[in-house]
Amino acid sequence: MNTVAENIADTTGQAAHKAEDLRSPGRFLVSAMLAGAFIAAGEVLLLTALSPFAATHAPALKLLEGAVFPIALTMVMVAGAQLFTSTVMVMLIGALAGRTGWKDMLWAWAATLFGNLAGTMIFAAMVHASGVTSTAPAKAMLAEMLSGKNALAGGQLFWRAVLCNMLVCLAVWMFGRVRGSGARILVLWLPVLVFVAAGFEHCVANMSLYGIGIMEGEATFGELARNLLYTVPGNIVGGGLLVGAVYWYVSGARRKRPEPEPETDWSYTVEMAANRG
């Protein structure tokens, strides 16, 4: 198992890699769109596989949702894609460590958020065309889930988002510490199970759910915008501050100072230029 300090070093390397990837915005956005689609696939799984349990008001429904939804984050981490909620943690650690800039962090956050949204909407359109979420049980479960989210006050959405991304980024943080595919999948699964079963708020999962709802006529873009207004900042606080910043501090890492540029010998430079002339 990696130490906390080793994991910080690995994470700052990931941040530098993401900052480098931003120089190819097309490829970066496609990777973010893939992450949005993977998360949306988890929501589709809930609606299609668990809607019969929702119709009977099964007591264990929340636990079943928590048991199956982590497949979404597993696909993101194992296949490789740019997910906003984990990028929040990675890029903040990179900025705190001085490996990447604050501007890199903000651009990465914005690009992943936009790409995730585009990916969820495209995937939702394809799912709607397939008809798998248009069945009566799936639409009833979808409507009930959206109604529950719309009924939450702004403060409730914010704090549920804080708690959600604290758990999601904790899963990603532990994924980096352990070795072996089995252990990595397990540490992804457990925190996500908690956040889903507890009813916390993940902004990209909500993009997916509202996207499907919009396609099925059960939600509006205004309802999605209201949800993201509170869940995006909450996810930033939960994953960035409560996991990223906390573990950077716990590791004892120091901010890397940029190395001063070497002094230029102007007399030598002028002489060389004269010789070339």
Foldseek 3Di string as FASTA:
>chain_A
DADLLVLLVVLLVVLLVLLVCVVVLVVQLLLLLVLLLLQLVLVLCLLQVVLVVVVVVPVCSLLVSLQRNLSSVVCCVPVPGQALLLLLQSNLSNCQQQVDHPVSSVVSNVSSVVSSLVNLLVSLLVVVVVCSCVDPSSVVVLLVLLVVLLPDDLVQLLQLLLLLSLLQNQLVSVLSRDDDPVSNSVSSSVSSSVSRSVPGDDLSSLSNSQSNCVSNVNHDVVSNVSSCVRNVNSSSCNNHVVPRVVSSVVSVRHHDDDDDDDDDPVVVVVVVVVVVD
